[in-house]
């Protein structure tokens, strides 16, 4: 049975840690917004630490998040930012206390490592959503979706895509995250099981050939054949090619899944964009796709 951490209420503590890259600027605005939701913000050492490109050494980053995994008074842990580095510490973390008393883990991008581990190893829900470093550039709708996810207010996302997908209506458990990081945990204890799930993917700064390779890798492993549905978020800031690859990210993805009999949508408002809507991984959702019209509803 999938475990759902207790939803937050006013007065609860939320800890900010940086499991990966260091913060280049203060996150005062992000802290202010979390406090405006009635939360007590606790800062880890890594928020102000620096070690090369990381927010402190591997040892410090592991110790920092560990203290909040173990602290029962902290009800949620949100990553200050992503970048790179979570995979360097994930196997050093002890989730014993967390597993006994689950709490919300929040972030996106490189934090997909942590979110995938929470679902794969601990069967626990988490939130793919904005982080304090991205709060200032976030749309109000994205921030509100994160607040609703944390406080247990079910949300509905409806939009019209620029690209048609495959029609259908399904219900299932939502999984996924950053495509590159999902591939990075393949074959490890942090690997998500996609079987019978609605898969969400997004990525940033990748070349079309890299997206093609990753999708073909998932297909060859049999991980795309038995999905309930596919939700494709933003694939933006593409790496420049000296010779045009010949397909857009959407066309690359479509080529690998078009033969399967499940709904597919593109342009979902989530990923490395300002309108990065919160995705509660491990939660049941309904997905409806009709032409370019898409609705995802938390059940």
C-alpha atoms as a PDB file:
ATOM      1  CA  UNK A   1       0.000   0.000   0.000  1.00  0.00           C
ATOM      2  CA  UNK A   2       1.332   3.437  -0.965  1.00  0.00           C
ATOM      3  CA  UNK A   3       1.970   5.627   2.075  1.00  0.00           C
ATOM      4  CA  UNK A   4       0.756   9.211   2.118  1.00  0.00           C
ATOM      5  CA  UNK A   5       2.600  11.539   4.523  1.00  0.00           C
ATOM      6  CA  UNK A   6       0.314  13.660   6.728  1.00  0.00           C
ATOM      7  CA  UNK A   7      -0.762  16.859   5.017  1.00  0.00           C
ATOM      8  CA  UNK A   8       0.608  20.060   6.501  1.00  0.00           C
ATOM      9  CA  UNK A   9      -1.275  22.451   8.707  1.00  0.00           C
ATOM     10  CA  UNK A  10      -0.456  25.946   9.877  1.00  0.00           C
ATOM     11  CA  UNK A  11       2.335  25.973  12.428  1.00  0.00           C
ATOM     12  CA  UNK A  12       4.082  22.901  10.991  1.00  0.00           C
ATOM     13  CA  UNK A  13       7.827  22.933  10.383  1.00  0.00           C
ATOM     14  CA  UNK A  14       9.259  22.661   6.887  1.00  0.00           C
ATOM     15  CA  UNK A  15      13.020  22.259   6.475  1.00  0.00           C
ATOM     16  CA  UNK A  16      14.985  23.641   3.528  1.00  0.00           C
ATOM     17  CA  UNK A  17      18.096  21.688   2.529  1.00  0.00           C
ATOM     18  CA  UNK A  18      20.299  21.642  -0.564  1.00  0.00           C
ATOM     19  CA  UNK A  19      21.199  18.049  -1.478  1.00  0.00           C
ATOM     20  CA  UNK A  20      22.890  19.075  -4.713  1.00  0.00           C
ATOM     21  CA  UNK A  21      24.203  22.351  -6.122  1.00  0.00           C
ATOM     22  CA  UNK A  22      24.919  25.399  -3.970  1.00  0.00           C
ATOM     23  CA  UNK A  23      22.639  28.420  -3.954  1.00  0.00           C
ATOM     24  CA  UNK A  24      24.070  31.352  -5.946  1.00  0.00           C
ATOM     25  CA  UNK A  25      21.671  33.833  -4.349  1.00  0.00           C
ATOM     26  CA  UNK A  26      19.700  34.160  -1.114  1.00  0.00           C
ATOM     27  CA  UNK A  27      16.250  32.541  -1.058  1.00  0.00           C
ATOM     28  CA  UNK A  28      14.619  35.112   1.206  1.00  0.00           C
ATOM     29  CA  UNK A  29      11.580  35.386  -1.077  1.00  0.00           C
ATOM     30  CA  UNK A  30      11.066  31.629  -1.007  1.00  0.00           C
ATOM     31  CA  UNK A  31      11.269  31.583   2.779  1.00  0.00           C
ATOM     32  CA  UNK A  32       8.830  34.482   2.966  1.00  0.00           C
ATOM     33  CA  UNK A  33       6.296  32.651   0.791  1.00  0.00           C
ATOM     34  CA  UNK A  34       6.505  29.453   2.851  1.00  0.00           C
ATOM     35  CA  UNK A  35       6.019  31.509   6.027  1.00  0.00           C
ATOM     36  CA  UNK A  36       3.026  33.250   4.445  1.00  0.00           C
ATOM     37  CA  UNK A  37       1.413  29.803   4.223  1.00  0.00           C
ATOM     38  CA  UNK A  38       1.655  29.582   8.008  1.00  0.00           C
ATOM     39  CA  UNK A  39       4.677  27.276   8.060  1.00  0.00           C
ATOM     40  CA  UNK A  40       7.706  27.502  10.336  1.00  0.00           C
ATOM     41  CA  UNK A  41      10.804  27.398   8.137  1.00  0.00           C
ATOM     42  CA  UNK A  42      13.940  25.656   9.408  1.00  0.00           C
ATOM     43  CA  UNK A  43      17.179  26.069   7.444  1.00  0.00           C
ATOM     44  CA  UNK A  44      19.794  23.367   7.041  1.00  0.00           C
ATOM     45  CA  UNK A  45      23.519  24.118   7.022  1.00  0.00           C
ATOM     46  CA  UNK A  46      23.642  23.443   3.289  1.00  0.00           C
ATOM     47  CA  UNK A  47      21.532  26.514   2.522  1.00  0.00           C
ATOM     48  CA  UNK A  48      24.604  28.658   3.102  1.00  0.00           C
ATOM     49  CA  UNK A  49      27.379  26.093   2.535  1.00  0.00           C
ATOM     50  CA  UNK A  50      29.709  25.801  -0.452  1.00  0.00           C
ATOM     51  CA  UNK A  51      32.120  23.130  -1.687  1.00  0.00           C
ATOM     52  CA  UNK A  52      33.138  23.517  -5.334  1.00  0.00           C
ATOM     53  CA  UNK A  53      29.793  23.533  -7.180  1.00  0.00           C
ATOM     54  CA  UNK A  54      27.993  21.738  -4.356  1.00  0.00           C
ATOM     55  CA  UNK A  55      26.218  23.066  -1.274  1.00  0.00           C
ATOM     56  CA  UNK A  56      28.843  21.558   0.970  1.00  0.00           C
ATOM     57  CA  UNK A  57      30.753  18.288   0.874  1.00  0.00           C
ATOM     58  CA  UNK A  58      28.946  15.006   0.277  1.00  0.00           C
ATOM     59  CA  UNK A  59      29.293  14.292   4.000  1.00  0.00           C
ATOM     60  CA  UNK A  60      27.739  17.616   5.004  1.00  0.00           C
ATOM     61  CA  UNK A  61      24.873  17.331   2.534  1.00  0.00           C
ATOM     62  CA  UNK A  62      24.048  13.808   3.718  1.00  0.00           C
ATOM     63  CA  UNK A  63      24.263  14.829   7.375  1.00  0.00           C
ATOM     64  CA  UNK A  64      22.089  17.882   6.751  1.00  0.00           C
ATOM     65  CA  UNK A  65      19.175  16.047   5.185  1.00  0.00           C
ATOM     66  CA  UNK A  66      19.579  13.125   7.599  1.00  0.00           C
ATOM     67  CA  UNK A  67      18.879  15.294  10.626  1.00  0.00           C
ATOM     68  CA  UNK A  68      15.548  16.352   9.152  1.00  0.00           C
ATOM     69  CA  UNK A  69      14.642  12.836   8.020  1.00  0.00           C
ATOM     70  CA  UNK A  70      15.077  11.825  11.673  1.00  0.00           C
ATOM     71  CA  UNK A  71      13.451  14.882  13.278  1.00  0.00           C
ATOM     72  CA  UNK A  72       9.792  14.021  13.965  1.00  0.00           C
ATOM     73  CA  UNK A  73       8.941  17.693  14.508  1.00  0.00           C
ATOM     74  CA  UNK A  74       9.766  18.461  10.856  1.00  0.00           C
ATOM     75  CA  UNK A  75       6.778  17.562   8.674  1.00  0.00           C
ATOM     76  CA  UNK A  76       8.250  18.298   5.233  1.00  0.00           C
ATOM     77  CA  UNK A  77      11.657  18.683   3.581  1.00  0.00           C
ATOM     78  CA  UNK A  78      11.973  20.895   0.519  1.00  0.00           C
ATOM     79  CA  UNK A  79      15.117  21.151  -1.587  1.00  0.00           C
ATOM     80  CA  UNK A  80      16.392  24.711  -1.971  1.00  0.00           C
ATOM     81  CA  UNK A  81      17.405  23.956  -5.544  1.00  0.00           C
ATOM     82  CA  UNK A  82      18.448  21.129  -7.857  1.00  0.00           C
ATOM     83  CA  UNK A  83      21.508  21.063 -10.101  1.00  0.00           C
ATOM     84  CA  UNK A  84      23.594  17.937  -9.598  1.00  0.00           C
ATOM     85  CA  UNK A  85      24.626  15.954  -6.551  1.00  0.00           C
ATOM     86  CA  UNK A  86      21.745  14.017  -4.975  1.00  0.00           C
ATOM     87  CA  UNK A  87      22.904  10.717  -6.476  1.00  0.00           C
ATOM     88  CA  UNK A  88      26.232  11.171  -4.629  1.00  0.00           C
ATOM     89  CA  UNK A  89      24.522  10.973  -1.224  1.00  0.00           C
ATOM     90  CA  UNK A  90      21.329   8.942  -1.672  1.00  0.00           C
ATOM     91  CA  UNK A  91      22.945   5.655  -0.567  1.00  0.00           C
ATOM     92  CA  UNK A  92      24.368   7.274   2.584  1.00  0.00           C
ATOM     93  CA  UNK A  93      20.925   8.192   3.909  1.00  0.00           C
ATOM     94  CA  UNK A  94      19.121   6.139   6.551  1.00  0.00           C
ATOM     95  CA  UNK A  95      15.366   6.188   5.982  1.00  0.00           C
ATOM     96  CA  UNK A  96      14.426   4.120   9.053  1.00  0.00           C
ATOM     97  CA  UNK A  97      12.839   7.004  10.973  1.00  0.00           C
ATOM     98  CA  UNK A  98      11.326   8.438   7.791  1.00  0.00           C
ATOM     99  CA  UNK A  99       9.769   5.102   6.909  1.00  0.00           C
ATOM    100  CA  UNK A 100       8.171   4.851  10.359  1.00  0.00           C
ATOM    101  CA  UNK A 101       6.853   8.435  10.159  1.00  0.00           C
ATOM    102  CA  UNK A 102       6.759   9.586   6.518  1.00  0.00           C
ATOM    103  CA  UNK A 103       6.983  13.281   5.672  1.00  0.00           C
ATOM    104  CA  UNK A 104       6.739  15.187   2.408  1.00  0.00           C
ATOM    105  CA  UNK A 105       9.856  15.408   0.234  1.00  0.00           C
ATOM    106  CA  UNK A 106       9.625  18.213  -2.329  1.00  0.00           C
ATOM    107  CA  UNK A 107      11.635  19.315  -5.340  1.00  0.00           C
ATOM    108  CA  UNK A 108      12.261  18.641  -9.010  1.00  0.00           C
ATOM    109  CA  UNK A 109      15.101  18.269 -11.503  1.00  0.00           C
ATOM    110  CA  UNK A 110      18.037  16.531  -9.710  1.00  0.00           C
ATOM    111  CA  UNK A 111      15.737  15.939  -6.709  1.00  0.00           C
ATOM    112  CA  UNK A 112      13.993  13.311  -8.872  1.00  0.00           C
ATOM    113  CA  UNK A 113      16.614  10.944  -7.409  1.00  0.00           C
ATOM    114  CA  UNK A 114      15.180  11.460  -3.915  1.00  0.00           C
ATOM    115  CA  UNK A 115      11.547  11.343  -5.051  1.00  0.00           C
ATOM    116  CA  UNK A 116      12.093   8.177  -7.072  1.00  0.00           C
ATOM    117  CA  UNK A 117      13.828   6.533  -4.113  1.00  0.00           C
ATOM    118  CA  UNK A 118      10.915   7.456  -1.817  1.00  0.00           C
ATOM    119  CA  UNK A 119       8.473   5.656  -4.106  1.00  0.00           C
ATOM    120  CA  UNK A 120      10.655   2.734  -5.198  1.00  0.00           C
ATOM    121  CA  UNK A 121      12.213   1.808  -1.867  1.00  0.00           C
ATOM    122  CA  UNK A 122       9.770   3.256   0.674  1.00  0.00           C
ATOM    123  CA  UNK A 123       6.456   3.182  -1.219  1.00  0.00           C
ATOM    124  CA  UNK A 124       5.835   6.770  -0.146  1.00  0.00           C
ATOM    125  CA  UNK A 125       4.288   9.735  -1.963  1.00  0.00           C
ATOM    126  CA  UNK A 126       6.322  12.865  -2.651  1.00  0.00           C
ATOM    127  CA  UNK A 127       5.913  16.146  -4.520  1.00  0.00           C
ATOM    128  CA  UNK A 128       7.568  17.141  -7.784  1.00  0.00           C
ATOM    129  CA  UNK A 129       7.232  20.915  -7.562  1.00  0.00           C
ATOM    130  CA  UNK A 130       8.789  24.344  -7.253  1.00  0.00           C
ATOM    131  CA  UNK A 131      11.718  24.939  -4.900  1.00  0.00           C
ATOM    132  CA  UNK A 132      12.571  28.143  -2.977  1.00  0.00           C
ATOM    133  CA  UNK A 133      15.260  29.038  -5.553  1.00  0.00           C
ATOM    134  CA  UNK A 134      12.588  29.008  -8.296  1.00  0.00           C
ATOM    135  CA  UNK A 135       9.812  30.646  -6.267  1.00  0.00           C
ATOM    136  CA  UNK A 136      10.618  34.182  -7.477  1.00  0.00           C
ATOM    137  CA  UNK A 137      10.254  33.279 -11.154  1.00  0.00           C
ATOM    138  CA  UNK A 138       7.265  31.012 -10.553  1.00  0.00           C
ATOM    139  CA  UNK A 139       3.740  31.720 -11.710  1.00  0.00           C
ATOM    140  CA  UNK A 140       1.183  32.240  -8.946  1.00  0.00           C
ATOM    141  CA  UNK A 141      -0.650  29.164 -10.235  1.00  0.00           C
ATOM    142  CA  UNK A 142       2.411  26.938  -9.793  1.00  0.00           C
ATOM    143  CA  UNK A 143       2.995  28.161  -6.241  1.00  0.00           C
ATOM    144  CA  UNK A 144      -0.659  27.727  -5.377  1.00  0.00           C
ATOM    145  CA  UNK A 145      -0.562  24.170  -6.745  1.00  0.00           C
ATOM    146  CA  UNK A 146       2.362  23.427  -4.405  1.00  0.00           C
ATOM    147  CA  UNK A 147       0.525  24.905  -1.436  1.00  0.00           C
ATOM    148  CA  UNK A 148      -2.564  22.842  -2.248  1.00  0.00           C
ATOM    149  CA  UNK A 149      -0.494  19.665  -2.593  1.00  0.00           C
ATOM    150  CA  UNK A 150       1.157  20.223   0.787  1.00  0.00           C
ATOM    151  CA  UNK A 151      -2.075  21.060   2.596  1.00  0.00           C
ATOM    152  CA  UNK A 152      -4.120  18.273   0.999  1.00  0.00           C
ATOM    153  CA  UNK A 153      -6.369  20.363  -1.226  1.00  0.00           C
ATOM    154  CA  UNK A 154      -6.995  18.323  -4.374  1.00  0.00           C
ATOM    155  CA  UNK A 155      -6.336  20.185  -7.589  1.00  0.00           C
ATOM    156  CA  UNK A 156      -7.377  19.880 -11.229  1.00  0.00           C
ATOM    157  CA  UNK A 157      -5.133  20.881 -14.122  1.00  0.00           C
ATOM    158  CA  UNK A 158      -6.833  21.656 -17.428  1.00  0.00           C
ATOM    159  CA  UNK A 159      -5.108  23.128 -20.455  1.00  0.00           C
ATOM    160  CA  UNK A 160      -4.990  23.076 -24.239  1.00  0.00           C
ATOM    161  CA  UNK A 161      -1.777  21.712 -25.708  1.00  0.00           C
ATOM    162  CA  UNK A 162      -0.123  23.014 -28.856  1.00  0.00           C
ATOM    163  CA  UNK A 163       0.487  19.396 -29.897  1.00  0.00           C
ATOM    164  CA  UNK A 164      -2.148  16.675 -30.184  1.00  0.00           C
ATOM    165  CA  UNK A 165      -1.565  13.449 -28.293  1.00  0.00           C
ATOM    166  CA  UNK A 166      -3.614  10.272 -28.105  1.00  0.00           C
ATOM    167  CA  UNK A 167      -7.182  10.413 -26.847  1.00  0.00           C
ATOM    168  CA  UNK A 168      -8.290   8.447 -23.821  1.00  0.00           C
ATOM    169  CA  UNK A 169      -9.540   8.530 -20.255  1.00  0.00           C
ATOM    170  CA  UNK A 170      -7.807   6.548 -17.500  1.00  0.00           C
ATOM    171  CA  UNK A 171      -7.196   6.440 -13.776  1.00  0.00           C
ATOM    172  CA  UNK A 172      -3.931   5.384 -12.197  1.00  0.00           C
ATOM    173  CA  UNK A 173      -1.037   6.171  -9.886  1.00  0.00           C
ATOM    174  CA  UNK A 174       1.152   9.073 -11.016  1.00  0.00           C
ATOM    175  CA  UNK A 175       4.924   8.444 -11.163  1.00  0.00           C
ATOM    176  CA  UNK A 176       7.905  10.004 -12.909  1.00  0.00           C
ATOM    177  CA  UNK A 177       9.962  13.173 -12.928  1.00  0.00           C
ATOM    178  CA  UNK A 178      13.029  14.353 -14.805  1.00  0.00           C
ATOM    179  CA  UNK A 179      13.755  11.949 -17.678  1.00  0.00           C
ATOM    180  CA  UNK A 180      17.551  12.093 -17.339  1.00  0.00           C
ATOM    181  CA  UNK A 181      17.402  11.320 -13.622  1.00  0.00           C
ATOM    182  CA  UNK A 182      14.850   8.532 -14.093  1.00  0.00           C
ATOM    183  CA  UNK A 183      17.379   6.904 -16.427  1.00  0.00           C
ATOM    184  CA  UNK A 184      20.167   7.530 -13.905  1.00  0.00           C
ATOM    185  CA  UNK A 185      18.470   5.339 -11.263  1.00  0.00           C
ATOM    186  CA  UNK A 186      17.593   2.488 -13.653  1.00  0.00           C
ATOM    187  CA  UNK A 187      18.841  -0.815 -12.267  1.00  0.00           C
ATOM    188  CA  UNK A 188      19.221   0.523  -8.716  1.00  0.00           C
ATOM    189  CA  UNK A 189      17.069   0.298  -5.587  1.00  0.00           C
ATOM    190  CA  UNK A 190      15.772   3.778  -6.489  1.00  0.00           C
ATOM    191  CA  UNK A 191      14.270   2.676  -9.820  1.00  0.00           C
ATOM    192  CA  UNK A 192      10.567   3.457 -10.128  1.00  0.00           C
ATOM    193  CA  UNK A 193       8.173   0.766 -11.300  1.00  0.00           C
ATOM    194  CA  UNK A 194       6.175   2.217 -14.227  1.00  0.00           C
ATOM    195  CA  UNK A 195       4.006  -0.887 -14.729  1.00  0.00           C
ATOM    196  CA  UNK A 196       0.324   0.066 -14.813  1.00  0.00           C
ATOM    197  CA  UNK A 197       1.111   3.670 -13.823  1.00  0.00           C
ATOM    198  CA  UNK A 198       0.600   7.067 -15.416  1.00  0.00           C
ATOM    199  CA  UNK A 199       4.128   8.242 -16.234  1.00  0.00           C
ATOM    200  CA  UNK A 200       5.101  11.919 -16.158  1.00  0.00           C
ATOM    201  CA  UNK A 201       8.365  13.068 -17.793  1.00  0.00           C
ATOM    202  CA  UNK A 202      10.114  16.398 -18.353  1.00  0.00           C
ATOM    203  CA  UNK A 203      13.642  17.629 -19.071  1.00  0.00           C
ATOM    204  CA  UNK A 204      15.751  20.683 -19.800  1.00  0.00           C
ATOM    205  CA  UNK A 205      18.899  21.489 -21.759  1.00  0.00           C
ATOM    206  CA  UNK A 206      19.072  18.132 -23.538  1.00  0.00           C
ATOM    207  CA  UNK A 207      19.816  17.516 -27.214  1.00  0.00           C
ATOM    208  CA  UNK A 208      17.096  15.881 -29.293  1.00  0.00           C
ATOM    209  CA  UNK A 209      19.360  12.870 -29.864  1.00  0.00           C
ATOM    210  CA  UNK A 210      19.757  12.450 -26.116  1.00  0.00           C
ATOM    211  CA  UNK A 211      15.985  12.478 -25.586  1.00  0.00           C
ATOM    212  CA  UNK A 212      15.686   9.970 -28.438  1.00  0.00           C
ATOM    213  CA  UNK A 213      18.289   7.700 -26.834  1.00  0.00           C
ATOM    214  CA  UNK A 214      16.643   7.846 -23.407  1.00  0.00           C
ATOM    215  CA  UNK A 215      13.173   7.077 -24.776  1.00  0.00           C
ATOM    216  CA  UNK A 216      14.516   4.197 -26.860  1.00  0.00           C
ATOM    217  CA  UNK A 217      16.337   2.864 -23.793  1.00  0.00           C
ATOM    218  CA  UNK A 218      13.111   2.854 -21.775  1.00  0.00           C
ATOM    219  CA  UNK A 219      11.276   1.187 -24.637  1.00  0.00           C
ATOM    220  CA  UNK A 220      13.933  -1.515 -25.050  1.00  0.00           C
ATOM    221  CA  UNK A 221      13.710  -2.221 -21.313  1.00  0.00           C
ATOM    222  CA  UNK A 222       9.948  -2.706 -21.669  1.00  0.00           C
ATOM    223  CA  UNK A 223       9.149   0.228 -19.416  1.00  0.00           C
ATOM    224  CA  UNK A 224       6.838   2.028 -21.858  1.00  0.00           C
ATOM    225  CA  UNK A 225       4.692  -0.900 -23.005  1.00  0.00           C
ATOM    226  CA  UNK A 226       2.384  -1.267 -20.017  1.00  0.00           C
ATOM    227  CA  UNK A 227       1.747   2.280 -18.866  1.00  0.00           C
ATOM    228  CA  UNK A 228      -1.764   3.515 -18.055  1.00  0.00           C
ATOM    229  CA  UNK A 229      -0.921   6.867 -19.658  1.00  0.00           C
ATOM    230  CA  UNK A 230       1.932   9.241 -20.526  1.00  0.00           C
ATOM    231  CA  UNK A 231       2.075  12.889 -19.464  1.00  0.00           C
ATOM    232  CA  UNK A 232       4.811  14.834 -21.257  1.00  0.00           C
ATOM    233  CA  UNK A 233       5.780  18.068 -19.545  1.00  0.00           C
ATOM    234  CA  UNK A 234       8.176  20.767 -20.698  1.00  0.00           C
ATOM    235  CA  UNK A 235      11.215  19.808 -22.775  1.00  0.00           C
ATOM    236  CA  UNK A 236      12.886  23.191 -23.069  1.00  0.00           C
ATOM    237  CA  UNK A 237      16.209  24.981 -23.495  1.00  0.00           C
ATOM    238  CA  UNK A 238      17.323  22.333 -25.970  1.00  0.00           C
ATOM    239  CA  UNK A 239      21.039  21.887 -26.606  1.00  0.00           C
ATOM    240  CA  UNK A 240      22.094  23.345 -29.944  1.00  0.00           C
ATOM    241  CA  UNK A 241      22.924  20.853 -32.692  1.00  0.00           C
ATOM    242  CA  UNK A 242      25.472  21.649 -35.423  1.00  0.00           C
ATOM    243  CA  UNK A 243      23.284  19.577 -37.745  1.00  0.00           C
ATOM    244  CA  UNK A 244      19.507  19.575 -37.211  1.00  0.00           C
ATOM    245  CA  UNK A 245      18.364  16.276 -35.682  1.00  0.00           C
ATOM    246  CA  UNK A 246      15.169  16.232 -37.723  1.00  0.00           C
ATOM    247  CA  UNK A 247      12.605  15.717 -34.954  1.00  0.00           C
ATOM    248  CA  UNK A 248      11.283  17.795 -32.094  1.00  0.00           C
ATOM    249  CA  UNK A 249      11.252  16.296 -28.583  1.00  0.00           C
ATOM    250  CA  UNK A 250       7.515  15.719 -28.953  1.00  0.00           C
ATOM    251  CA  UNK A 251       8.037  13.850 -32.230  1.00  0.00           C
ATOM    252  CA  UNK A 252      10.856  11.802 -30.701  1.00  0.00           C
ATOM    253  CA  UNK A 253       8.661  10.753 -27.769  1.00  0.00           C
ATOM    254  CA  UNK A 254       5.596  10.119 -29.925  1.00  0.00           C
ATOM    255  CA  UNK A 255       7.552   7.784 -32.215  1.00  0.00           C
ATOM    256  CA  UNK A 256       8.354   5.531 -29.249  1.00  0.00           C
ATOM    257  CA  UNK A 257       4.834   5.350 -27.782  1.00  0.00           C
ATOM    258  CA  UNK A 258       2.394   5.822 -30.674  1.00  0.00           C
ATOM    259  CA  UNK A 259       1.818   2.073 -31.055  1.00  0.00           C
ATOM    260  CA  UNK A 260       0.640   1.681 -27.462  1.00  0.00           C
ATOM    261  CA  UNK A 261      -3.004   1.862 -26.482  1.00  0.00           C
ATOM    262  CA  UNK A 262      -2.977   4.498 -23.751  1.00  0.00           C
ATOM    263  CA  UNK A 263      -3.617   8.256 -23.661  1.00  0.00           C
ATOM    264  CA  UNK A 264      -0.656  10.552 -24.286  1.00  0.00           C
ATOM    265  CA  UNK A 265      -0.546  14.308 -23.778  1.00  0.00           C
ATOM    266  CA  UNK A 266       2.116  16.905 -24.524  1.00  0.00           C
ATOM    267  CA  UNK A 267       2.950  20.343 -23.168  1.00  0.00           C
ATOM    268  CA  UNK A 268       1.801  19.608 -19.627  1.00  0.00           C
ATOM    269  CA  UNK A 269       2.527  22.641 -17.397  1.00  0.00           C
ATOM    270  CA  UNK A 270       5.288  21.087 -15.321  1.00  0.00           C
ATOM    271  CA  UNK A 271       9.069  21.006 -15.529  1.00  0.00           C
ATOM    272  CA  UNK A 272      11.841  23.607 -15.773  1.00  0.00           C
ATOM    273  CA  UNK A 273       9.383  26.402 -16.508  1.00  0.00           C
ATOM    274  CA  UNK A 274       7.777  29.208 -14.533  1.00  0.00           C
ATOM    275  CA  UNK A 275       4.399  27.447 -14.588  1.00  0.00           C
ATOM    276  CA  UNK A 276       5.756  24.300 -12.914  1.00  0.00           C
ATOM    277  CA  UNK A 277       2.617  22.760 -11.421  1.00  0.00           C
ATOM    278  CA  UNK A 278       3.040  20.399  -8.477  1.00  0.00           C
ATOM    279  CA  UNK A 279       2.798  16.690  -9.303  1.00  0.00           C
ATOM    280  CA  UNK A 280       2.058  14.438  -6.322  1.00  0.00           C
ATOM    281  CA  UNK A 281       3.979  11.293  -7.195  1.00  0.00           C
ATOM    282  CA  UNK A 282       2.408   8.097  -5.902  1.00  0.00           C
ATOM    283  CA  UNK A 283      -1.076   9.628  -5.783  1.00  0.00           C
ATOM    284  CA  UNK A 284      -4.025   8.389  -7.851  1.00  0.00           C
ATOM    285  CA  UNK A 285      -5.135  10.689 -10.662  1.00  0.00           C
ATOM    286  CA  UNK A 286      -7.514  10.653 -13.583  1.00  0.00           C
ATOM    287  CA  UNK A 287      -6.215  11.685 -17.002  1.00  0.00           C
ATOM    288  CA  UNK A 288      -8.464  12.784 -19.860  1.00  0.00           C
ATOM    289  CA  UNK A 289      -7.097  13.590 -23.312  1.00  0.00           C
ATOM    290  CA  UNK A 290      -9.241  14.665 -26.244  1.00  0.00           C
ATOM    291  CA  UNK A 291      -7.310  16.174 -29.128  1.00  0.00           C
ATOM    292  CA  UNK A 292      -5.359  19.053 -27.625  1.00  0.00           C
ATOM    293  CA  UNK A 293      -7.573  19.304 -24.532  1.00  0.00           C
ATOM    294  CA  UNK A 294      -6.108  17.753 -21.395  1.00  0.00           C
ATOM    295  CA  UNK A 295      -7.374  17.399 -17.837  1.00  0.00           C
ATOM    296  CA  UNK A 296      -5.551  15.785 -14.924  1.00  0.00           C
ATOM    297  CA  UNK A 297      -7.450  15.497 -11.670  1.00  0.00           C
ATOM    298  CA  UNK A 298      -6.262  14.204  -8.293  1.00  0.00           C
ATOM    299  CA  UNK A 299      -8.631  11.577  -6.950  1.00  0.00           C
END
